[in-house]
């Protein structure tokens, strides 16, 4: 009975450790804003290279001085986007700064 509980406990601990991923450092993408939607943003980082990041309720829109923006940036604007990868592998934007 006791050994069965230990096996079950060991299995739970092993699966929890296998799913744990250490915190990641945000990455900054600098470039030209190609598209902005309330669910995603597309930034052209180099000619013919784009990055798509999801936008969620925690994403902050900032101007060049770091103050919040009232409206979303226009396509063609120069932006710096801080983003990180979620556990499911999708990139999410943390802050969008209009330069």
Protein backbone atom coordinates (compact mmCIF):
# COMPACT_ATOMS: atom_id res chain seq x y z
CA UNK A 1 0.00 0.00 0.00
CA UNK A 2 2.75 2.44 0.94
CA UNK A 3 4.88 1.50 -2.08
CA UNK A 4 1.89 2.06 -4.40
CA UNK A 5 1.47 5.59 -2.98
CA UNK A 6 5.17 6.31 -3.45
CA UNK A 7 5.01 5.17 -7.08
CA UNK A 8 1.99 7.41 -7.72
CA UNK A 9 3.68 10.35 -5.99
CA UNK A 10 6.88 9.77 -7.97
CA UNK A 11 4.95 9.70 -11.23
CA UNK A 12 3.21 13.00 -10.42
CA UNK A 13 6.48 14.68 -9.46
CA UNK A 14 8.27 13.39 -12.57
CA UNK A 15 5.52 14.65 -14.89
CA UNK A 16 5.49 18.07 -13.18
CA UNK A 17 9.27 18.39 -13.57
CA UNK A 18 9.09 17.36 -17.23
CA UNK A 19 6.55 20.13 -17.97
CA UNK A 20 8.49 22.86 -16.14
CA UNK A 21 10.38 25.30 -18.32
CA UNK A 22 12.56 28.02 -16.86
CA UNK A 23 11.47 31.63 -17.40
CA UNK A 24 12.53 33.08 -20.73
CA UNK A 25 14.08 36.45 -21.50
CA UNK A 26 12.05 38.73 -23.79
CA UNK A 27 13.44 39.30 -27.29
CA UNK A 28 13.14 42.65 -29.11
CA UNK A 29 12.10 42.79 -32.76
CA UNK A 30 12.84 46.13 -34.46
CA UNK A 31 11.29 46.94 -37.81
CA UNK A 32 8.38 48.31 -39.78
CA UNK A 33 4.81 47.59 -38.74
CA UNK A 34 3.04 45.76 -41.56
CA UNK A 35 -0.25 44.84 -39.85
CA UNK A 36 -1.86 45.40 -36.46
CA UNK A 37 -4.99 43.70 -35.24
CA UNK A 38 -6.40 43.28 -31.76
CA UNK A 39 -5.21 39.64 -31.88
CA UNK A 40 -1.85 39.84 -33.66
CA UNK A 41 0.91 42.10 -35.01
CA UNK A 42 3.18 41.59 -38.04
CA UNK A 43 6.59 43.31 -38.10
CA UNK A 44 8.97 43.34 -41.07
CA UNK A 45 12.41 43.00 -39.47
CA UNK A 46 14.40 42.83 -42.72
CA UNK A 47 13.41 42.95 -46.38
CA UNK A 48 11.11 40.01 -47.09
CA UNK A 49 11.34 38.75 -43.47
CA UNK A 50 8.36 39.16 -41.16
CA UNK A 51 7.56 38.13 -37.61
CA UNK A 52 4.01 37.48 -36.38
CA UNK A 53 3.30 37.91 -32.67
CA UNK A 54 0.03 37.44 -30.83
CA UNK A 55 -1.42 40.42 -28.94
CA UNK A 56 -3.30 39.81 -25.70
CA UNK A 57 -4.81 41.94 -22.94
CA UNK A 58 -1.41 42.26 -21.22
CA UNK A 59 0.30 43.77 -24.29
CA UNK A 60 1.24 47.43 -23.73
CA UNK A 61 1.29 50.08 -26.47
CA UNK A 62 3.91 52.77 -25.80
CA UNK A 63 5.21 55.86 -27.59
CA UNK A 64 8.92 56.73 -27.97
CA UNK A 65 8.99 58.29 -24.48
CA UNK A 66 7.45 55.22 -22.84
CA UNK A 67 3.98 56.72 -22.31
CA UNK A 68 0.85 54.68 -23.16
CA UNK A 69 -0.72 55.20 -26.58
CA UNK A 70 -4.42 55.98 -26.91
CA UNK A 71 -4.78 54.37 -30.34
CA UNK A 72 -2.93 51.57 -32.15
CA UNK A 73 0.04 52.44 -34.36
CA UNK A 74 -0.41 52.91 -38.11
CA UNK A 75 1.04 50.42 -40.63
CA UNK A 76 4.41 51.68 -41.88
CA UNK A 77 5.46 52.96 -38.44
CA UNK A 78 8.87 52.03 -37.03
CA UNK A 79 8.34 49.86 -33.94
CA UNK A 80 10.27 47.89 -31.36
CA UNK A 81 8.32 44.89 -30.09
CA UNK A 82 9.36 42.97 -26.97
CA UNK A 83 8.06 39.43 -27.16
CA UNK A 84 8.54 35.97 -25.76
CA UNK A 85 7.51 32.43 -26.59
CA UNK A 86 4.63 30.85 -24.70
CA UNK A 87 4.77 27.24 -23.54
CA UNK A 88 2.76 26.26 -26.63
CA UNK A 89 5.47 27.77 -28.88
CA UNK A 90 3.56 30.85 -30.04
CA UNK A 91 5.24 34.28 -29.84
CA UNK A 92 3.35 36.87 -27.81
CA UNK A 93 4.01 40.64 -27.77
CA UNK A 94 4.65 42.10 -24.31
CA UNK A 95 5.22 45.73 -25.33
CA UNK A 96 4.89 47.54 -28.65
CA UNK A 97 6.91 50.75 -28.72
CA UNK A 98 6.45 53.21 -31.60
CA UNK A 99 9.81 54.81 -32.43
